[in-house]
Amino acid sequence: MTSRLSLFLACLACVFGLAGCGSSASSNQTAPPPSDYTVSAAKAFTKYWVSTLNRATTTGNAQQLLSLSGPKCQVCKDFAKSLKKIYSAGGHVETKGWKVTNVIPIAGESLKHPGFQLVAQVAPQKVYRSKGAKPQTYDGGHQGMRMFLTRSGDQWLVEKIEIAQGS
């Protein structure tokens, strides 16, 4: 359980460790139409958000990631903060990122505030926390999480993320 949490936090550091520093894994995902309130559009948005996280990990620029995250999403803010800290210190992350392998709607959630259980395949990562630092390495594996969305105007936002421990 501790190693999974460490992997997740490392992923945070790089991204999600939802991430992709040497690669733009899933970077060609397109966002669903903003006014689409369907379950399939919300599911597509979850994958788009992870793709955006991967891109942020690669570049160190989390601005777009934060624009897709609601103001109450603490995990989203933590991802961005970790990336900023690494990249502002001259560090970087090497990984092929996260790939969402399964998205299942959580029963009982409303269409305006849907929730999803996600499973992602996480590639191994090397996190260089500053320029010239020795890398911290993290094994890949599967990571489960629950992602809750909300609507703001005509777009989806991530309202909350819960990371599964012991996945």
N, C-alpha and C. Protein backbone atom coordinates (compact mmCIF):
# COMPACT_ATOMS: atom_id res chain seq x y z
N MET A 1 0.83 -1.18 0.00
CA MET A 1 0.00 0.00 0.00
C MET A 1 0.88 1.25 0.00
N THR A 2 1.94 1.26 0.77
CA THR A 2 2.83 2.40 0.82
C THR A 2 3.52 2.62 -0.51
N SER A 3 3.93 1.54 -1.18
CA SER A 3 4.59 1.69 -2.47
C SER A 3 3.63 2.23 -3.51
N ARG A 4 2.35 1.86 -3.45
CA ARG A 4 1.35 2.40 -4.37
C ARG A 4 1.17 3.89 -4.14
N LEU A 5 1.14 4.30 -2.87
CA LEU A 5 0.99 5.71 -2.56
C LEU A 5 2.22 6.47 -3.03
N SER A 6 3.40 5.90 -2.83
CA SER A 6 4.62 6.52 -3.31
C SER A 6 4.60 6.65 -4.81
N LEU A 7 4.14 5.60 -5.50
CA LEU A 7 4.03 5.65 -6.95
C LEU A 7 3.10 6.77 -7.35
N PHE A 8 1.97 6.86 -6.66
CA PHE A 8 1.01 7.90 -7.02
C PHE A 8 1.60 9.28 -6.79
N LEU A 9 2.25 9.49 -5.66
CA LEU A 9 2.81 10.80 -5.38
C LEU A 9 3.92 11.14 -6.37
N ALA A 10 4.66 10.13 -6.78
CA ALA A 10 5.69 10.35 -7.78
C ALA A 10 5.02 10.75 -9.08
N CYS A 11 3.96 10.06 -9.36
CA CYS A 11 3.21 10.36 -10.55
C CYS A 11 2.70 11.77 -10.46
N LEU A 12 2.34 12.14 -9.27
CA LEU A 12 1.90 13.51 -9.03
C LEU A 12 3.01 14.42 -9.44
N ALA A 13 4.18 14.09 -8.95
CA ALA A 13 5.33 14.90 -9.23
C ALA A 13 5.54 14.99 -10.71
N CYS A 14 5.35 13.93 -11.38
CA CYS A 14 5.56 13.99 -12.79
C CYS A 14 4.28 14.11 -13.49
N VAL A 15 3.49 13.48 -12.96
CA VAL A 15 2.14 13.54 -13.27
C VAL A 15 1.52 12.28 -13.05
N PHE A 16 0.55 12.63 -12.87
CA PHE A 16 -0.33 11.62 -12.68
C PHE A 16 0.52 10.52 -12.99
N GLY A 17 1.54 11.60 -12.19
CA GLY A 17 2.31 10.72 -12.60
C GLY A 17 1.28 10.14 -13.34
N LEU A 18 -0.77 10.74 -13.46
CA LEU A 18 -1.52 10.69 -14.72
C LEU A 18 -0.52 11.33 -15.64
N ALA A 19 0.83 10.84 -16.44
CA ALA A 19 1.99 11.60 -16.92
C ALA A 19 2.64 11.16 -18.19
N GLY A 20 3.45 12.01 -18.79
CA GLY A 20 4.18 11.58 -19.95
C GLY A 20 5.30 12.48 -20.30
N CYS A 21 6.45 12.28 -19.71
CA CYS A 21 7.53 13.20 -19.90
C CYS A 21 8.40 12.95 -21.09
N GLY A 22 8.58 11.80 -21.52
CA GLY A 22 9.38 11.59 -22.69
C GLY A 22 8.48 11.29 -23.86
N SER A 23 7.20 11.37 -23.63
CA SER A 23 6.26 10.99 -24.65
C SER A 23 4.98 11.73 -24.42
N SER A 24 4.21 11.86 -25.47
CA SER A 24 2.93 12.54 -25.29
C SER A 24 1.83 11.50 -25.38
N ALA A 25 1.89 10.53 -24.50
CA ALA A 25 0.91 9.46 -24.49
C ALA A 25 -0.48 10.02 -24.48
N SER A 26 -1.29 9.59 -25.42
CA SER A 26 -2.67 10.02 -25.53
C SER A 26 -2.81 11.50 -25.81
N SER A 27 -1.78 12.17 -26.29
CA SER A 27 -1.87 13.61 -26.49
C SER A 27 -2.75 13.96 -27.67
N ASN A 28 -3.11 12.97 -28.49
CA ASN A 28 -3.96 13.28 -29.62
C ASN A 28 -5.44 13.12 -29.28
N GLN A 29 -5.75 12.93 -28.00
CA GLN A 29 -7.14 12.85 -27.58
C GLN A 29 -7.78 14.21 -27.82
N THR A 30 -9.00 14.22 -28.26
CA THR A 30 -9.69 15.49 -28.41
C THR A 30 -10.77 15.60 -27.36
N ALA A 31 -11.03 16.82 -26.94
CA ALA A 31 -12.04 17.05 -25.92
C ALA A 31 -13.42 16.84 -26.52
N PRO A 32 -14.36 16.35 -25.73
CA PRO A 32 -15.72 16.20 -26.22
C PRO A 32 -16.34 17.57 -26.45
N PRO A 33 -17.37 17.64 -27.28
CA PRO A 33 -18.03 18.93 -27.48
C PRO A 33 -18.45 19.51 -26.13
N PRO A 34 -18.17 20.80 -25.89
CA PRO A 34 -18.39 21.36 -24.57
C PRO A 34 -19.83 21.33 -24.08
N SER A 35 -20.79 21.36 -24.96
CA SER A 35 -22.18 21.40 -24.51
C SER A 35 -22.80 20.01 -24.40
N ASP A 36 -22.02 18.97 -24.59
CA ASP A 36 -22.53 17.61 -24.58
C ASP A 36 -22.66 17.08 -23.15
N TYR A 37 -23.90 16.85 -22.71
CA TYR A 37 -24.18 16.37 -21.35
C TYR A 37 -24.38 14.87 -21.30
N THR A 38 -23.87 14.12 -22.25
CA THR A 38 -24.09 12.69 -22.26
C THR A 38 -23.03 11.98 -21.41
N VAL A 39 -23.35 10.76 -20.98
CA VAL A 39 -22.39 9.96 -20.23
C VAL A 39 -21.16 9.69 -21.08
N SER A 40 -21.35 9.43 -22.38
CA SER A 40 -20.19 9.15 -23.24
C SER A 40 -19.28 10.37 -23.35
N ALA A 41 -19.85 11.57 -23.37
CA ALA A 41 -19.01 12.77 -23.42
C ALA A 41 -18.25 12.96 -22.11
N ALA A 42 -18.91 12.68 -21.00
CA ALA A 42 -18.24 12.79 -19.70
C ALA A 42 -17.12 11.77 -19.59
N LYS A 43 -17.36 10.54 -20.06
CA LYS A 43 -16.31 9.51 -20.06
C LYS A 43 -15.14 9.95 -20.94
N ALA A 44 -15.43 10.52 -22.10
CA ALA A 44 -14.38 11.00 -23.00
C ALA A 44 -13.57 12.11 -22.32
N PHE A 45 -14.25 12.95 -21.56
CA PHE A 45 -13.56 14.03 -20.86
C PHE A 45 -12.56 13.47 -19.85
N THR A 46 -12.90 12.39 -19.15
CA THR A 46 -11.96 11.82 -18.17
C THR A 46 -10.66 11.42 -18.86
N LYS A 47 -10.77 10.83 -20.04
CA LYS A 47 -9.57 10.44 -20.79
C LYS A 47 -8.81 11.67 -21.29
N TYR A 48 -9.55 12.68 -21.70
CA TYR A 48 -8.93 13.93 -22.14
C TYR A 48 -8.16 14.58 -20.99
N TRP A 49 -8.75 14.56 -19.80
CA TRP A 49 -8.09 15.15 -18.65
C TRP A 49 -6.77 14.43 -18.37
N VAL A 50 -6.77 13.10 -18.42
CA VAL A 50 -5.55 12.32 -18.20
C VAL A 50 -4.53 12.64 -19.29
N SER A 51 -4.98 12.77 -20.53
CA SER A 51 -4.09 13.16 -21.62
C SER A 51 -3.46 14.52 -21.36
N THR A 52 -4.26 15.44 -20.83
CA THR A 52 -3.76 16.77 -20.49
C THR A 52 -2.76 16.68 -19.35
N LEU A 53 -3.01 15.82 -18.39
CA LEU A 53 -2.07 15.58 -17.30
C LEU A 53 -0.74 15.05 -17.86
N ASN A 54 -0.83 14.11 -18.80
CA ASN A 54 0.38 13.57 -19.43
C ASN A 54 1.17 14.69 -20.11
N ARG A 55 0.48 15.55 -20.82
CA ARG A 55 1.14 16.66 -21.52
C ARG A 55 1.78 17.61 -20.51
N ALA A 56 1.09 17.89 -19.41
CA ALA A 56 1.65 18.76 -18.37
C ALA A 56 2.92 18.14 -17.78
N THR A 57 2.91 16.85 -17.62
CA THR A 57 4.08 16.15 -17.09
C THR A 57 5.26 16.28 -18.04
N THR A 58 4.99 16.20 -19.33
CA THR A 58 6.03 16.30 -20.34
C THR A 58 6.64 17.70 -20.41
N THR A 59 5.81 18.70 -20.26
CA THR A 59 6.25 20.08 -20.46
C THR A 59 6.50 20.85 -19.18
N GLY A 60 5.89 20.41 -18.09
CA GLY A 60 5.97 21.17 -16.85
C GLY A 60 4.94 22.29 -16.78
N ASN A 61 4.17 22.48 -17.84
CA ASN A 61 3.16 23.53 -17.89
C ASN A 61 1.80 22.94 -17.55
N ALA A 62 1.29 23.25 -16.37
CA ALA A 62 0.03 22.68 -15.90
C ALA A 62 -1.15 23.64 -16.05
N GLN A 63 -0.97 24.71 -16.79
CA GLN A 63 -2.04 25.71 -16.92
C GLN A 63 -3.31 25.11 -17.53
N GLN A 64 -3.18 24.34 -18.61
CA GLN A 64 -4.37 23.74 -19.22
C GLN A 64 -4.99 22.72 -18.28
N LEU A 65 -4.18 21.97 -17.58
CA LEU A 65 -4.68 21.00 -16.61
C LEU A 65 -5.55 21.70 -15.56
N LEU A 66 -5.05 22.80 -15.04
CA LEU A 66 -5.81 23.55 -14.04
C LEU A 66 -7.08 24.15 -14.63
N SER A 67 -7.07 24.49 -15.91
CA SER A 67 -8.27 25.06 -16.53
C SER A 67 -9.37 24.01 -16.69
N LEU A 68 -9.01 22.73 -16.61
CA LEU A 68 -9.98 21.64 -16.71
C LEU A 68 -10.35 21.09 -15.33
N SER A 69 -9.82 21.72 -14.29
CA SER A 69 -10.01 21.26 -12.92
C SER A 69 -10.78 22.31 -12.13
N GLY A 70 -11.76 21.85 -11.38
CA GLY A 70 -12.54 22.76 -10.56
C GLY A 70 -11.74 23.30 -9.39
N PRO A 71 -12.19 24.41 -8.81
CA PRO A 71 -11.45 25.06 -7.71
C PRO A 71 -11.37 24.21 -6.44
N LYS A 72 -12.22 23.21 -6.29
CA LYS A 72 -12.20 22.37 -5.10
C LYS A 72 -11.39 21.09 -5.28
N CYS A 73 -10.81 20.87 -6.46
CA CYS A 73 -10.07 19.63 -6.71
C CYS A 73 -8.65 19.75 -6.15
N GLN A 74 -8.47 19.30 -4.92
CA GLN A 74 -7.17 19.41 -4.26
C GLN A 74 -6.12 18.53 -4.93
N VAL A 75 -6.48 17.34 -5.36
CA VAL A 75 -5.53 16.47 -6.05
C VAL A 75 -5.05 17.15 -7.34
N CYS A 76 -5.95 17.80 -8.05
CA CYS A 76 -5.57 18.52 -9.27
C CYS A 76 -4.54 19.60 -8.95
N LYS A 77 -4.79 20.36 -7.89
CA LYS A 77 -3.86 21.42 -7.48
C LYS A 77 -2.52 20.82 -7.06
N ASP A 78 -2.57 19.67 -6.37
CA ASP A 78 -1.33 19.02 -5.94
C ASP A 78 -0.50 18.56 -7.13
N PHE A 79 -1.16 18.04 -8.17
CA PHE A 79 -0.44 17.65 -9.39
C PHE A 79 0.30 18.86 -9.94
N ALA A 80 -0.43 19.95 -10.12
CA ALA A 80 0.16 21.16 -10.71
C ALA A 80 1.30 21.70 -9.85
N LYS A 81 1.10 21.71 -8.55
CA LYS A 81 2.13 22.22 -7.63
C LYS A 81 3.40 21.36 -7.70
N SER A 82 3.23 20.04 -7.75
CA SER A 82 4.39 19.14 -7.83
C SER A 82 5.16 19.36 -9.13
N LEU A 83 4.42 19.48 -10.22
CA LEU A 83 5.08 19.72 -11.51
C LEU A 83 5.83 21.05 -11.51
N LYS A 84 5.19 22.08 -11.00
CA LYS A 84 5.83 23.40 -10.96
C LYS A 84 7.12 23.34 -10.14
N LYS A 85 7.08 22.65 -9.01
CA LYS A 85 8.26 22.55 -8.15
C LYS A 85 9.41 21.84 -8.87
N ILE A 86 9.11 20.74 -9.53
CA ILE A 86 10.14 19.98 -10.26
C ILE A 86 10.74 20.80 -11.39
N TYR A 87 9.88 21.34 -12.24
CA TYR A 87 10.37 22.04 -13.42
C TYR A 87 11.01 23.38 -13.08
N SER A 88 10.54 24.09 -12.07
CA SER A 88 11.15 25.36 -11.69
C SER A 88 12.53 25.15 -11.08
N ALA A 89 12.80 23.94 -10.57
CA ALA A 89 14.12 23.61 -10.02
C ALA A 89 15.04 23.05 -11.10
N GLY A 90 14.57 23.04 -12.34
CA GLY A 90 15.38 22.53 -13.44
C GLY A 90 15.25 21.03 -13.64
N GLY A 91 14.34 20.40 -12.93
CA GLY A 91 14.14 18.96 -13.05
C GLY A 91 13.18 18.61 -14.18
N HIS A 92 12.93 17.34 -14.30
CA HIS A 92 11.99 16.85 -15.31
C HIS A 92 11.59 15.42 -14.96
N VAL A 93 10.62 14.92 -15.72
CA VAL A 93 10.12 13.56 -15.53
C VAL A 93 10.25 12.81 -16.85
N GLU A 94 10.71 11.57 -16.76
CA GLU A 94 10.78 10.71 -17.93
C GLU A 94 9.81 9.56 -17.73
N THR A 95 8.84 9.44 -18.62
CA THR A 95 7.84 8.39 -18.55
C THR A 95 7.05 8.36 -19.85
N LYS A 96 6.40 7.25 -20.10
CA LYS A 96 5.49 7.17 -21.24
C LYS A 96 4.07 7.53 -20.81
N GLY A 97 3.89 7.84 -19.54
CA GLY A 97 2.62 8.37 -19.06
C GLY A 97 1.62 7.35 -18.59
N TRP A 98 0.42 7.84 -18.42
CA TRP A 98 -0.71 7.04 -17.98
C TRP A 98 -1.61 6.78 -19.16
N LYS A 99 -2.16 5.60 -19.21
CA LYS A 99 -3.13 5.27 -20.24
C LYS A 99 -4.37 4.71 -19.55
N VAL A 100 -5.49 5.38 -19.74
CA VAL A 100 -6.74 4.92 -19.13
C VAL A 100 -7.18 3.66 -19.86
N THR A 101 -7.38 2.59 -19.10
CA THR A 101 -7.77 1.32 -19.70
C THR A 101 -9.23 0.97 -19.45
N ASN A 102 -9.86 1.64 -18.46
CA ASN A 102 -11.25 1.35 -18.16
C ASN A 102 -11.89 2.55 -17.49
N VAL A 103 -13.10 2.88 -17.91
CA VAL A 103 -13.88 3.96 -17.30
C VAL A 103 -15.29 3.42 -17.07
N ILE A 104 -15.70 3.35 -15.81
CA ILE A 104 -17.01 2.79 -15.46
C ILE A 104 -17.79 3.85 -14.67
N PRO A 105 -19.00 4.19 -15.14
CA PRO A 105 -19.82 5.14 -14.39
C PRO A 105 -20.15 4.60 -12.99
N ILE A 106 -20.14 5.49 -12.01
CA ILE A 106 -20.50 5.13 -10.65
C ILE A 106 -22.02 5.28 -10.53
N ALA A 107 -22.67 4.22 -10.12
CA ALA A 107 -24.13 4.21 -10.01
C ALA A 107 -24.59 5.28 -9.01
N GLY A 108 -25.71 5.90 -9.34
CA GLY A 108 -26.32 6.86 -8.44
C GLY A 108 -25.85 8.29 -8.60
N GLU A 109 -24.86 8.51 -9.45
CA GLU A 109 -24.38 9.87 -9.68
C GLU A 109 -25.26 10.54 -10.74
N SER A 110 -25.47 11.85 -10.63
CA SER A 110 -26.32 12.56 -11.59
C SER A 110 -25.54 12.89 -12.85
N LEU A 111 -26.24 13.16 -13.92
CA LEU A 111 -25.59 13.49 -15.19
C LEU A 111 -24.87 14.83 -15.10
N LYS A 112 -25.34 15.74 -14.27
CA LYS A 112 -24.65 17.03 -14.13
C LYS A 112 -23.41 16.92 -13.25
N HIS A 113 -23.34 15.88 -12.42
CA HIS A 113 -22.19 15.65 -11.55
C HIS A 113 -21.82 14.17 -11.58
N PRO A 114 -21.42 13.66 -12.76
CA PRO A 114 -21.14 12.23 -12.86
C PRO A 114 -19.84 11.83 -12.16
N GLY A 115 -19.81 10.58 -11.75
CA GLY A 115 -18.60 10.01 -11.17
C GLY A 115 -18.21 8.77 -11.94
N PHE A 116 -16.91 8.52 -12.01
CA PHE A 116 -16.40 7.38 -12.77
C PHE A 116 -15.29 6.69 -12.00
N GLN A 117 -15.26 5.37 -12.10
CA GLN A 117 -14.15 4.57 -11.62
C GLN A 117 -13.22 4.40 -12.81
N LEU A 118 -11.97 4.82 -12.67
CA LEU A 118 -10.99 4.70 -13.75
C LEU A 118 -9.90 3.74 -13.34
N VAL A 119 -9.38 3.02 -14.31
CA VAL A 119 -8.19 2.21 -14.13
C VAL A 119 -7.20 2.68 -15.18
N ALA A 120 -5.98 2.94 -14.76
CA ALA A 120 -4.95 3.41 -15.69
C ALA A 120 -3.73 2.49 -15.60
N GLN A 121 -3.12 2.28 -16.74
CA GLN A 121 -1.82 1.61 -16.80
C GLN A 121 -0.78 2.71 -16.68
N VAL A 122 0.05 2.64 -15.66
CA VAL A 122 1.05 3.66 -15.40
C VAL A 122 2.41 3.12 -15.85
N ALA A 123 3.06 3.87 -16.73
CA ALA A 123 4.39 3.48 -17.21
C ALA A 123 5.43 3.77 -16.12
N PRO A 124 6.55 3.05 -16.14
CA PRO A 124 7.63 3.37 -15.20
C PRO A 124 8.05 4.83 -15.37
N GLN A 125 8.60 5.39 -14.29
CA GLN A 125 8.97 6.80 -14.31
C GLN A 125 10.33 7.03 -13.68
N LYS A 126 11.00 8.04 -14.21
CA LYS A 126 12.21 8.57 -13.57
C LYS A 126 11.91 10.04 -13.31
N VAL A 127 12.03 10.43 -12.03
CA VAL A 127 11.75 11.81 -11.64
C VAL A 127 13.06 12.45 -11.20
N TYR A 128 13.45 13.48 -11.93
CA TYR A 128 14.62 14.28 -11.60
C TYR A 128 14.08 15.54 -10.92
N ARG A 129 14.18 15.61 -9.61
CA ARG A 129 13.53 16.68 -8.84
C ARG A 129 14.19 18.04 -9.01
N SER A 130 15.40 18.08 -9.53
CA SER A 130 16.08 19.35 -9.80
C SER A 130 17.16 19.10 -10.85
N LYS A 131 17.72 20.17 -11.36
CA LYS A 131 18.78 20.05 -12.38
C LYS A 131 19.97 19.31 -11.78
N GLY A 132 20.41 18.27 -12.46
CA GLY A 132 21.56 17.50 -12.02
C GLY A 132 21.28 16.49 -10.92
N ALA A 133 20.05 16.42 -10.45
CA ALA A 133 19.71 15.47 -9.38
C ALA A 133 19.69 14.04 -9.92
N LYS A 134 20.00 13.10 -9.05
CA LYS A 134 19.87 11.70 -9.41
C LYS A 134 18.38 11.38 -9.51
N PRO A 135 18.01 10.52 -10.46
CA PRO A 135 16.58 10.22 -10.61
C PRO A 135 16.04 9.33 -9.51
N GLN A 136 14.79 9.57 -9.16
CA GLN A 136 14.04 8.64 -8.35
C GLN A 136 13.26 7.80 -9.36
N THR A 137 13.33 6.49 -9.22
CA THR A 137 12.64 5.63 -10.18
C THR A 137 11.43 4.98 -9.53
N TYR A 138 10.40 4.81 -10.35
CA TYR A 138 9.15 4.22 -9.90
C TYR A 138 8.71 3.20 -10.92
N ASP A 139 8.36 2.02 -10.41
CA ASP A 139 7.85 0.98 -11.28
C ASP A 139 6.48 1.39 -11.80
N GLY A 140 6.12 0.89 -12.93
CA GLY A 140 4.78 1.11 -13.46
C GLY A 140 3.80 0.14 -12.82
N GLY A 141 2.60 0.15 -13.31
CA GLY A 141 1.58 -0.75 -12.79
C GLY A 141 0.20 -0.22 -13.09
N HIS A 142 -0.77 -0.76 -12.43
CA HIS A 142 -2.15 -0.30 -12.59
C HIS A 142 -2.51 0.60 -11.42
N GLN A 143 -3.28 1.63 -11.71
CA GLN A 143 -3.74 2.55 -10.67
C GLN A 143 -5.23 2.78 -10.84
N GLY A 144 -5.98 2.60 -9.78
CA GLY A 144 -7.40 2.89 -9.78
C GLY A 144 -7.67 4.25 -9.17
N MET A 145 -8.73 4.87 -9.60
CA MET A 145 -9.14 6.15 -9.03
C MET A 145 -10.61 6.39 -9.32
N ARG A 146 -11.19 7.27 -8.55
CA ARG A 146 -12.54 7.73 -8.81
C ARG A 146 -12.45 9.20 -9.16
N MET A 147 -13.08 9.57 -10.26
CA MET A 147 -13.06 10.95 -10.73
C MET A 147 -14.50 11.45 -10.79
N PHE A 148 -14.74 12.59 -10.16
CA PHE A 148 -16.06 13.19 -10.14
C PHE A 148 -16.01 14.49 -10.94
N LEU A 149 -16.98 14.65 -11.82
CA LEU A 149 -17.03 15.82 -12.70
C LEU A 149 -18.17 16.74 -12.31
N THR A 150 -18.08 17.95 -12.79
CA THR A 150 -19.16 18.92 -12.64
C THR A 150 -19.18 19.77 -13.91
N ARG A 151 -20.24 20.52 -14.06
CA ARG A 151 -20.35 21.43 -15.21
C ARG A 151 -20.09 22.85 -14.73
N SER A 152 -19.39 23.59 -15.55
CA SER A 152 -19.19 25.02 -15.34
C SER A 152 -19.45 25.67 -16.68
N GLY A 153 -20.56 26.36 -16.78
CA GLY A 153 -20.94 26.91 -18.08
C GLY A 153 -21.17 25.77 -19.05
N ASP A 154 -20.43 25.79 -20.15
CA ASP A 154 -20.62 24.75 -21.16
C ASP A 154 -19.49 23.73 -21.18
N GLN A 155 -18.74 23.60 -20.07
CA GLN A 155 -17.65 22.63 -20.08
C GLN A 155 -17.64 21.75 -18.83
N TRP A 156 -17.04 20.58 -18.98
CA TRP A 156 -16.81 19.69 -17.86
C TRP A 156 -15.58 20.16 -17.09
N LEU A 157 -15.58 19.93 -15.78
CA LEU A 157 -14.42 20.16 -14.93
C LEU A 157 -14.30 18.97 -13.98
N VAL A 158 -13.07 18.66 -13.58
CA VAL A 158 -12.86 17.64 -12.56
C VAL A 158 -13.11 18.31 -11.21
N GLU A 159 -14.08 17.79 -10.49
CA GLU A 159 -14.44 18.35 -9.19
C GLU A 159 -13.63 17.70 -8.07
N LYS A 160 -13.35 16.39 -8.22
CA LYS A 160 -12.65 15.68 -7.16
C LYS A 160 -12.05 14.39 -7.74
N ILE A 161 -10.91 14.01 -7.21
CA ILE A 161 -10.28 12.73 -7.56
C ILE A 161 -9.95 12.01 -6.25
N GLU A 162 -10.32 10.74 -6.20
CA GLU A 162 -9.97 9.88 -5.07
C GLU A 162 -9.07 8.77 -5.62
N ILE A 163 -7.89 8.64 -5.06
CA ILE A 163 -6.93 7.64 -5.51
C ILE A 163 -7.13 6.35 -4.73
N ALA A 164 -7.25 5.25 -5.44
CA ALA A 164 -7.39 3.94 -4.79
C ALA A 164 -6.02 3.50 -4.29
N GLN A 165 -5.96 3.07 -3.06
CA GLN A 165 -4.71 2.55 -2.51
C GLN A 165 -4.75 1.04 -2.62
N GLY A 166 -3.59 0.48 -2.88
CA GLY A 166 -3.48 -0.96 -2.98
C GLY A 166 -4.00 -1.52 -4.28
N SER A 167 -4.05 -0.68 -5.32
CA SER A 167 -4.53 -1.15 -6.64
C SER A 167 -3.56 -2.13 -7.24
